[in-house]
Amino acid sequence: FLLERAAGIPGHNTEATCLLAAKRFRDTHHRTFHRSTVYA
């Protein structure tokens, strides 16, 4: 997911922002986890 992290007062010069990518791993038993034993 795309996140924006912002601090300060929106619309003012004091606002600091950055864009982040949030990678959220699933906890269900997907096909990828079946083949993960090769890498693990």
All heavy atoms as atom14 arrays in JSON, in Angstrom:
{
  "sequence": "FLLERAAGIPGHNTEATCLLAAKRFRDTHHRTFHRSTVYA",
  "atom14_mask": [
    [1, 1, 1, 1, 1, 1, 1, 1, 1, 1, 1, 0, 0, 0],
    [1, 1, 1, 1, 1, 1, 1, 1, 0, 0, 0, 0, 0, 0],
    [1, 1, 1, 1, 1, 1, 1, 1, 0, 0, 0, 0, 0, 0],
    [1, 1, 1, 1, 1, 1, 1, 1, 1, 0, 0, 0, 0, 0],
    [1, 1, 1, 1, 1, 1, 1, 1, 1, 1, 1, 0, 0, 0],
    [1, 1, 1, 1, 1, 0, 0, 0, 0, 0, 0, 0, 0, 0],
    [1, 1, 1, 1, 1, 0, 0, 0, 0, 0, 0, 0, 0, 0],
    [1, 1, 1, 1, 0, 0, 0, 0, 0, 0, 0, 0, 0, 0],
    [1, 1, 1, 1, 1, 1, 1, 1, 0, 0, 0, 0, 0, 0],
    [1, 1, 1, 1, 1, 1, 1, 0, 0, 0, 0, 0, 0, 0],
    [1, 1, 1, 1, 0, 0, 0, 0, 0, 0, 0, 0, 0, 0],
    [1, 1, 1, 1, 1, 1, 1, 1, 1, 1, 0, 0, 0, 0],
    [1, 1, 1, 1, 1, 1, 1, 1, 0, 0, 0, 0, 0, 0],
    [1, 1, 1, 1, 1, 1, 1, 0, 0, 0, 0, 0, 0, 0],
    [1, 1, 1, 1, 1, 1, 1, 1, 1, 0, 0, 0, 0, 0],
    [1, 1, 1, 1, 1, 0, 0, 0, 0, 0, 0, 0, 0, 0],
    [1, 1, 1, 1, 1, 1, 1, 0, 0, 0, 0, 0, 0, 0],
    [1, 1, 1, 1, 1, 1, 0, 0, 0, 0, 0, 0, 0, 0],
    [1, 1, 1, 1, 1, 1, 1, 1, 0, 0, 0, 0, 0, 0],
    [1, 1, 1, 1, 1, 1, 1, 1, 0, 0, 0, 0, 0, 0],
    [1, 1, 1, 1, 1, 0, 0, 0, 0, 0, 0, 0, 0, 0],
    [1, 1, 1, 1, 1, 0, 0, 0, 0, 0, 0, 0, 0, 0],
    [1, 1, 1, 1, 1, 1, 1, 1, 1, 0, 0, 0, 0, 0],
    [1, 1, 1, 1, 1, 1, 1, 1, 1, 1, 1, 0, 0, 0],
    [1, 1, 1, 1, 1, 1, 1, 1, 1, 1, 1, 0, 0, 0],
    [1, 1, 1, 1, 1, 1, 1, 1, 1, 1, 1, 0, 0, 0],
    [1, 1, 1, 1, 1, 1, 1, 1, 0, 0, 0, 0, 0, 0],
    [1, 1, 1, 1, 1, 1, 1, 0, 0, 0, 0, 0, 0, 0],
    [1, 1, 1, 1, 1, 1, 1, 1, 1, 1, 0, 0, 0, 0],
    [1, 1, 1, 1, 1, 1, 1, 1, 1, 1, 0, 0, 0, 0],
    [1, 1, 1, 1, 1, 1, 1, 1, 1, 1, 1, 0, 0, 0],
    [1, 1, 1, 1, 1, 1, 1, 0, 0, 0, 0, 0, 0, 0],
    [1, 1, 1, 1, 1, 1, 1, 1, 1, 1, 1, 0, 0, 0],
    [1, 1, 1, 1, 1, 1, 1, 1, 1, 1, 0, 0, 0, 0],
    [1, 1, 1, 1, 1, 1, 1, 1, 1, 1, 1, 0, 0, 0],
    [1, 1, 1, 1, 1, 1, 0, 0, 0, 0, 0, 0, 0, 0],
    [1, 1, 1, 1, 1, 1, 1, 0, 0, 0, 0, 0, 0, 0],
    [1, 1, 1, 1, 1, 1, 1, 0, 0, 0, 0, 0, 0, 0],
    [1, 1, 1, 1, 1, 1, 1, 1, 1, 1, 1, 1, 0, 0],
    [1, 1, 1, 1, 1, 0, 0, 0, 0, 0, 0, 0, 0, 0]
  ],
  "atom14_positions": [
    [[0.84, -1.19, 0.0], [0.0, 0.0, 0.0], [0.88, 1.25, 0.0], [2.01, 1.23, 0.47], [-0.9, 0.01, 1.24], [-1.86, -1.14, 1.3], [-1.44, -2.37, 1.8], [-3.16, -1.01, 0.85], [-2.31, -3.45, 1.87], [-4.04, -2.08, 0.9], [-3.62, -3.31, 1.41], [0.0, 0.0, 0.0], [0.0, 0.0, 0.0], [0.0, 0.0, 0.0]],
    [[0.32, 2.33, -0.53], [1.01, 3.63, -0.52], [0.52, 4.42, 0.68], [-0.69, 4.61, 0.88], [0.71, 4.4, -1.8], [1.34, 5.8, -1.91], [2.86, 5.7, -1.92], [0.84, 6.52, -3.17], [0.0, 0.0, 0.0], [0.0, 0.0, 0.0], [0.0, 0.0, 0.0], [0.0, 0.0, 0.0], [0.0, 0.0, 0.0], [0.0, 0.0, 0.0]],
    [[1.48, 4.88, 1.52], [1.16, 5.7, 2.69], [1.84, 7.05, 2.57], [2.95, 7.16, 2.05], [1.66, 5.04, 3.99], [1.11, 3.68, 4.41], [1.66, 3.33, 5.78], [-0.4, 3.68, 4.43], [0.0, 0.0, 0.0], [0.0, 0.0, 0.0], [0.0, 0.0, 0.0], [0.0, 0.0, 0.0], [0.0, 0.0, 0.0], [0.0, 0.0, 0.0]],
    [[1.16, 8.08, 3.08], [1.79, 9.38, 3.26], [1.93, 9.62, 4.76], [0.94, 9.54, 5.49], [0.97, 10.5, 2.64], [1.64, 11.87, 2.83], [0.77, 13.01, 2.37], [-0.38, 13.12, 2.89], [1.22, 13.79, 1.51], [0.0, 0.0, 0.0], [0.0, 0.0, 0.0], [0.0, 0.0, 0.0], [0.0, 0.0, 0.0], [0.0, 0.0, 0.0]],
    [[3.15, 9.89, 5.21], [3.39, 10.24, 6.61], [3.6, 11.74, 6.68], [4.47, 12.29, 5.98], [4.61, 9.49, 7.14], [4.99, 9.87, 8.57], [5.95, 8.86, 9.16], [5.28, 7.58, 9.39], [5.91, 6.46, 9.74], [7.22, 6.45, 9.89], [5.22, 5.34, 9.94], [0.0, 0.0, 0.0], [0.0, 0.0, 0.0], [0.0, 0.0, 0.0]],
    [[2.79, 12.4, 7.5], [2.85, 13.86, 7.58], [2.9, 14.31, 9.03], [2.23, 13.74, 9.9], [1.64, 14.47, 6.88], [0.0, 0.0, 0.0], [0.0, 0.0, 0.0], [0.0, 0.0, 0.0], [0.0, 0.0, 0.0], [0.0, 0.0, 0.0], [0.0, 0.0, 0.0], [0.0, 0.0, 0.0], [0.0, 0.0, 0.0], [0.0, 0.0, 0.0]],
    [[3.69, 15.35, 9.28], [3.8, 15.94, 10.6], [3.7, 17.45, 10.45], [4.15, 18.02, 9.45], [5.12, 15.56, 11.26], [0.0, 0.0, 0.0], [0.0, 0.0, 0.0], [0.0, 0.0, 0.0], [0.0, 0.0, 0.0], [0.0, 0.0, 0.0], [0.0, 0.0, 0.0], [0.0, 0.0, 0.0], [0.0, 0.0, 0.0], [0.0, 0.0, 0.0]],
    [[3.11, 18.12, 11.44], [2.95, 19.56, 11.37], [1.53, 19.93, 11.03], [0.6, 19.12, 11.13], [0.0, 0.0, 0.0], [0.0, 0.0, 0.0], [0.0, 0.0, 0.0], [0.0, 0.0, 0.0], [0.0, 0.0, 0.0], [0.0, 0.0, 0.0], [0.0, 0.0, 0.0], [0.0, 0.0, 0.0], [0.0, 0.0, 0.0], [0.0, 0.0, 0.0]],
    [[1.34, 21.15, 10.59], [0.0, 21.65, 10.28], [-0.21, 21.58, 8.78], [0.52, 22.22, 8.02], [-0.16, 23.11, 10.76], [0.15, 23.2, 12.26], [-1.56, 23.62, 10.46], [0.14, 24.62, 12.78], [0.0, 0.0, 0.0], [0.0, 0.0, 0.0], [0.0, 0.0, 0.0], [0.0, 0.0, 0.0], [0.0, 0.0, 0.0], [0.0, 0.0, 0.0]],
    [[-1.19, 20.79, 8.3], [-1.43, 20.68, 6.86], [-1.65, 22.04, 6.22], [-2.34, 22.91, 6.76], [-2.71, 19.82, 6.79], [-2.72, 19.05, 8.07], [-2.13, 19.98, 9.09], [0.0, 0.0, 0.0], [0.0, 0.0, 0.0], [0.0, 0.0, 0.0], [0.0, 0.0, 0.0], [0.0, 0.0, 0.0], [0.0, 0.0, 0.0], [0.0, 0.0, 0.0]],
    [[-1.03, 22.23, 5.06], [-1.17, 23.48, 4.33], [-0.21, 24.57, 4.75], [-0.19, 25.64, 4.13], [0.0, 0.0, 0.0], [0.0, 0.0, 0.0], [0.0, 0.0, 0.0], [0.0, 0.0, 0.0], [0.0, 0.0, 0.0], [0.0, 0.0, 0.0], [0.0, 0.0, 0.0], [0.0, 0.0, 0.0], [0.0, 0.0, 0.0], [0.0, 0.0, 0.0]],
    [[0.57, 24.34, 5.79], [1.54, 25.33, 6.25], [2.95, 24.88, 5.87], [3.21, 23.72, 5.63], [1.45, 25.54, 7.76], [0.19, 26.21, 8.19], [-1.06, 25.64, 8.02], [-0.03, 27.43, 8.77], [-1.98, 26.46, 8.49], [-1.38, 27.54, 8.95], [0.0, 0.0, 0.0], [0.0, 0.0, 0.0], [0.0, 0.0, 0.0], [0.0, 0.0, 0.0]],
    [[3.86, 25.83, 5.86], [5.23, 25.54, 5.44], [5.95, 24.62, 6.42], [6.99, 24.07, 6.11], [6.02, 26.84, 5.28], [5.52, 27.67, 4.11], [4.97, 27.11, 3.15], [5.69, 28.99, 4.19], [0.0, 0.0, 0.0], [0.0, 0.0, 0.0], [0.0, 0.0, 0.0], [0.0, 0.0, 0.0], [0.0, 0.0, 0.0], [0.0, 0.0, 0.0]],
    [[5.39, 24.51, 7.64], [6.05, 23.67, 8.65], [5.73, 22.19, 8.47], [6.31, 21.35, 9.15], [5.61, 24.1, 10.05], [4.18, 24.01, 10.14], [6.04, 25.53, 10.36], [0.0, 0.0, 0.0], [0.0, 0.0, 0.0], [0.0, 0.0, 0.0], [0.0, 0.0, 0.0], [0.0, 0.0, 0.0], [0.0, 0.0, 0.0], [0.0, 0.0, 0.0]],
    [[4.82, 21.84, 7.56], [4.45, 20.44, 7.39], [5.59, 19.66, 6.74], [6.18, 20.1, 5.76], [3.18, 20.33, 6.53], [2.68, 18.9, 6.43], [1.44, 18.8, 5.54], [1.27, 19.64, 4.64], [0.67, 17.85, 5.76], [0.0, 0.0, 0.0], [0.0, 0.0, 0.0], [0.0, 0.0, 0.0], [0.0, 0.0, 0.0], [0.0, 0.0, 0.0]],
    [[5.87, 18.48, 7.3], [6.87, 17.58, 6.73], [6.16, 16.31, 6.29], [5.36, 15.75, 7.05], [7.95, 17.26, 7.75], [0.0, 0.0, 0.0], [0.0, 0.0, 0.0], [0.0, 0.0, 0.0], [0.0, 0.0, 0.0], [0.0, 0.0, 0.0], [0.0, 0.0, 0.0], [0.0, 0.0, 0.0], [0.0, 0.0, 0.0], [0.0, 0.0, 0.0]],
    [[6.43, 15.84, 5.09], [5.76, 14.65, 4.57], [6.75, 13.74, 3.88], [7.81, 14.17, 3.42], [4.65, 15.01, 3.57], [5.23, 15.61, 2.4], [3.63, 15.96, 4.17], [0.0, 0.0, 0.0], [0.0, 0.0, 0.0], [0.0, 0.0, 0.0], [0.0, 0.0, 0.0], [0.0, 0.0, 0.0], [0.0, 0.0, 0.0], [0.0, 0.0, 0.0]],
    [[6.4, 12.47, 3.81], [7.14, 11.52, 2.99], [6.19, 10.41, 2.56], [5.18, 10.15, 3.22], [8.36, 10.94, 3.72], [7.98, 9.89, 5.14], [0.0, 0.0, 0.0], [0.0, 0.0, 0.0], [0.0, 0.0, 0.0], [0.0, 0.0, 0.0], [0.0, 0.0, 0.0], [0.0, 0.0, 0.0], [0.0, 0.0, 0.0], [0.0, 0.0, 0.0]],
    [[6.49, 9.8, 1.44], [5.69, 8.68, 0.95], [6.4, 7.38, 1.3], [7.62, 7.26, 1.17], [5.51, 8.78, -0.57], [4.63, 9.92, -1.07], [4.6, 9.94, -2.6], [3.21, 9.82, -0.52], [0.0, 0.0, 0.0], [0.0, 0.0, 0.0], [0.0, 0.0, 0.0], [0.0, 0.0, 0.0], [0.0, 0.0, 0.0], [0.0, 0.0, 0.0]],
    [[5.62, 6.4, 1.75], [6.15, 5.11, 2.14], [5.37, 4.0, 1.45], [4.18, 4.16, 1.15], [6.05, 4.92, 3.66], [6.73, 5.96, 4.55], [6.36, 5.72, 6.0], [8.23, 5.92, 4.35], [0.0, 0.0, 0.0], [0.0, 0.0, 0.0], [0.0, 0.0, 0.0], [0.0, 0.0, 0.0], [0.0, 0.0, 0.0], [0.0, 0.0, 0.0]],
    [[6.04, 2.89, 1.23], [5.37, 1.67, 0.76], [5.2, 0.76, 1.96], [6.18, 0.46, 2.66], [6.2, 0.99, -0.33], [0.0, 0.0, 0.0], [0.0, 0.0, 0.0], [0.0, 0.0, 0.0], [0.0, 0.0, 0.0], [0.0, 0.0, 0.0], [0.0, 0.0, 0.0], [0.0, 0.0, 0.0], [0.0, 0.0, 0.0], [0.0, 0.0, 0.0]],
    [[3.98, 0.34, 2.21], [3.68, -0.55, 3.35], [3.4, -1.94, 2.8], [2.37, -2.16, 2.16], [2.49, -0.03, 4.13], [0.0, 0.0, 0.0], [0.0, 0.0, 0.0], [0.0, 0.0, 0.0], [0.0, 0.0, 0.0], [0.0, 0.0, 0.0], [0.0, 0.0, 0.0], [0.0, 0.0, 0.0], [0.0, 0.0, 0.0], [0.0, 0.0, 0.0]],
    [[4.31, -2.86, 3.05], [4.14, -4.24, 2.6], [3.58, -5.06, 3.76], [4.22, -5.17, 4.81], [5.47, -4.83, 2.13], [5.34, -6.2, 1.48], [6.64, -6.61, 0.8], [6.49, -7.91, 0.02], [7.74, -8.27, -0.7], [0.0, 0.0, 0.0], [0.0, 0.0, 0.0], [0.0, 0.0, 0.0], [0.0, 0.0, 0.0], [0.0, 0.0, 0.0]],
    [[2.38, -5.59, 3.58], [1.71, -6.33, 4.64], [1.58, -7.79, 4.23], [0.87, -8.12, 3.27], [0.32, -5.71, 4.91], [0.43, -4.29, 5.42], [-0.89, -3.56, 5.41], [-0.7, -2.16, 5.78], [-1.6, -1.21, 5.55], [-2.75, -1.51, 4.96], [-1.35, 0.04, 5.88], [0.0, 0.0, 0.0], [0.0, 0.0, 0.0], [0.0, 0.0, 0.0]],
    [[2.29, -8.64, 4.95], [2.31, -10.07, 4.65], [1.03, -10.73, 5.14], [0.58, -10.48, 6.25], [3.54, -10.72, 5.26], [4.82, -10.4, 4.53], [5.46, -9.19, 4.75], [5.36, -11.29, 3.62], [6.62, -8.87, 4.08], [6.53, -10.97, 2.94], [7.16, -9.77, 3.17], [0.0, 0.0, 0.0], [0.0, 0.0, 0.0], [0.0, 0.0, 0.0]],
    [[0.49, -11.59, 4.32], [-0.75, -12.29, 4.66], [-0.45, -13.41, 5.66], [0.61, -14.02, 5.64], [-1.38, -12.9, 3.4], [-1.76, -11.88, 2.35], [-2.25, -12.61, 1.11], [-2.56, -11.68, 0.03], [-3.72, -11.1, -0.15], [-4.69, -11.33, 0.71], [-3.93, -10.3, -1.17], [0.0, 0.0, 0.0], [0.0, 0.0, 0.0], [0.0, 0.0, 0.0]],
    [[-1.44, -13.72, 6.5], [-1.27, -14.81, 7.46], [-2.09, -16.04, 7.08], [-2.25, -16.95, 7.86], [-1.64, -14.36, 8.88], [-3.09, -13.93, 8.98], [-3.81, -14.0, 7.97], [-3.5, -13.53, 10.09], [0.0, 0.0, 0.0], [0.0, 0.0, 0.0], [0.0, 0.0, 0.0], [0.0, 0.0, 0.0], [0.0, 0.0, 0.0], [0.0, 0.0, 0.0]],
    [[-2.62, -16.08, 5.87], [-3.34, -17.26, 5.4], [-2.39, -18.15, 4.61], [-1.3, -17.74, 4.21], [-4.53, -16.86, 4.52], [-4.08, -15.93, 3.53], [-5.62, -16.21, 5.36], [0.0, 0.0, 0.0], [0.0, 0.0, 0.0], [0.0, 0.0, 0.0], [0.0, 0.0, 0.0], [0.0, 0.0, 0.0], [0.0, 0.0, 0.0], [0.0, 0.0, 0.0]],
    [[-2.82, -19.37, 4.38], [-1.94, -20.37, 3.8], [-2.0, -20.3, 2.27], [-2.77, -21.0, 1.64], [-2.36, -21.75, 4.28], [-1.21, -22.72, 4.33], [-1.3, -23.98, 4.87], [0.08, -22.59, 3.94], [-0.13, -24.58, 4.78], [0.72, -23.76, 4.23], [0.0, 0.0, 0.0], [0.0, 0.0, 0.0], [0.0, 0.0, 0.0], [0.0, 0.0, 0.0]],
    [[-1.19, -19.41, 1.7], [-1.19, -19.23, 0.25], [-0.2, -20.17, -0.42], [0.69, -20.72, 0.21], [-0.84, -17.78, -0.1], [-1.96, -16.82, 0.16], [-2.28, -16.39, 1.43], [-2.84, -16.24, -0.68], [-3.3, -15.57, 1.36], [-3.67, -15.46, 0.09], [0.0, 0.0, 0.0], [0.0, 0.0, 0.0], [0.0, 0.0, 0.0], [0.0, 0.0, 0.0]],
    [[-0.35, -20.28, -1.71], [0.5, -21.18, -2.5], [1.97, -20.81, -2.37], [2.85, -21.67, -2.34], [0.09, -21.14, -3.98], [0.94, -22.04, -4.87], [0.31, -22.18, -6.24], [0.05, -20.87, -6.85], [0.97, -20.19, -7.56], [2.17, -20.69, -7.71], [0.67, -19.03, -8.1], [0.0, 0.0, 0.0], [0.0, 0.0, 0.0], [0.0, 0.0, 0.0]],
    [[2.25, -19.52, -2.25], [3.64, -19.09, -2.14], [4.3, -19.68, -0.91], [5.47, -20.05, -0.92], [3.72, -17.56, -2.1], [3.13, -17.05, -3.3], [5.14, -17.07, -2.01], [0.0, 0.0, 0.0], [0.0, 0.0, 0.0], [0.0, 0.0, 0.0], [0.0, 0.0, 0.0], [0.0, 0.0, 0.0], [0.0, 0.0, 0.0], [0.0, 0.0, 0.0]],
    [[3.57, -19.78, 0.19], [4.16, -20.34, 1.41], [4.44, -21.83, 1.24], [5.31, -22.38, 1.88], [3.23, -20.1, 2.59], [3.22, -18.67, 3.05], [2.04, -18.05, 3.39], [4.39, -17.96, 3.14], [2.03, -16.73, 3.81], [4.39, -16.64, 3.56], [3.21, -16.03, 3.9], [0.0, 0.0, 0.0], [0.0, 0.0, 0.0], [0.0, 0.0, 0.0]],
    [[3.67, -22.52, 0.39], [3.95, -23.93, 0.14], [5.33, -24.1, -0.47], [6.07, -25.02, -0.13], [2.9, -24.51, -0.81], [1.63, -24.89, -0.13], [1.56, -25.83, 0.87], [0.35, -24.42, -0.3], [0.31, -25.96, 1.28], [-0.44, -25.11, 0.59], [0.0, 0.0, 0.0], [0.0, 0.0, 0.0], [0.0, 0.0, 0.0], [0.0, 0.0, 0.0]],
    [[5.68, -23.23, -1.4], [6.96, -23.4, -2.07], [8.09, -22.71, -1.32], [9.24, -22.77, -1.73], [6.89, -22.86, -3.5], [6.69, -21.35, -3.62], [6.61, -20.94, -5.09], [6.33, -19.52, -5.24], [7.28, -18.59, -5.26], [8.55, -18.91, -5.09], [6.96, -17.33, -5.43], [0.0, 0.0, 0.0], [0.0, 0.0, 0.0], [0.0, 0.0, 0.0]],
    [[7.78, -22.05, -0.19], [8.79, -21.29, 0.51], [9.86, -22.16, 1.15], [10.92, -21.67, 1.52], [8.14, -20.42, 1.59], [7.63, -21.23, 2.64], [0.0, 0.0, 0.0], [0.0, 0.0, 0.0], [0.0, 0.0, 0.0], [0.0, 0.0, 0.0], [0.0, 0.0, 0.0], [0.0, 0.0, 0.0], [0.0, 0.0, 0.0], [0.0, 0.0, 0.0]],
    [[9.6, -23.45, 1.3], [10.58, -24.32, 1.94], [11.89, -24.37, 1.16], [12.95, -24.57, 1.74], [10.02, -25.75, 2.08], [9.58, -26.2, 0.8], [8.85, -25.77, 3.06], [0.0, 0.0, 0.0], [0.0, 0.0, 0.0], [0.0, 0.0, 0.0], [0.0, 0.0, 0.0], [0.0, 0.0, 0.0], [0.0, 0.0, 0.0], [0.0, 0.0, 0.0]],
    [[11.84, -24.17, -0.15], [13.06, -24.15, -0.95], [13.97, -23.03, -0.5], [15.18, -23.19, -0.38], [12.71, -23.99, -2.45], [13.99, -23.81, -3.28], [11.93, -25.2, -2.95], [0.0, 0.0, 0.0], [0.0, 0.0, 0.0], [0.0, 0.0, 0.0], [0.0, 0.0, 0.0], [0.0, 0.0, 0.0], [0.0, 0.0, 0.0], [0.0, 0.0, 0.0]],
    [[13.37, -21.86, -0.22], [14.17, -20.7, 0.17], [14.55, -20.73, 1.64], [15.57, -20.16, 2.03], [13.38, -19.41, -0.13], [12.98, -19.27, -1.57], [11.66, -19.49, -1.98], [13.91, -18.94, -2.54], [11.29, -19.37, -3.3], [13.55, -18.82, -3.87], [12.24, -19.03, -4.25], [11.88, -18.91, -5.57], [0.0, 0.0, 0.0], [0.0, 0.0, 0.0]],
    [[13.73, -21.37, 2.46], [13.94, -21.32, 3.9], [14.94, -22.35, 4.4], [15.28, -22.34, 5.58], [12.6, -21.51, 4.62], [0.0, 0.0, 0.0], [0.0, 0.0, 0.0], [0.0, 0.0, 0.0], [0.0, 0.0, 0.0], [0.0, 0.0, 0.0], [0.0, 0.0, 0.0], [0.0, 0.0, 0.0], [0.0, 0.0, 0.0], [0.0, 0.0, 0.0]]
  ]
}
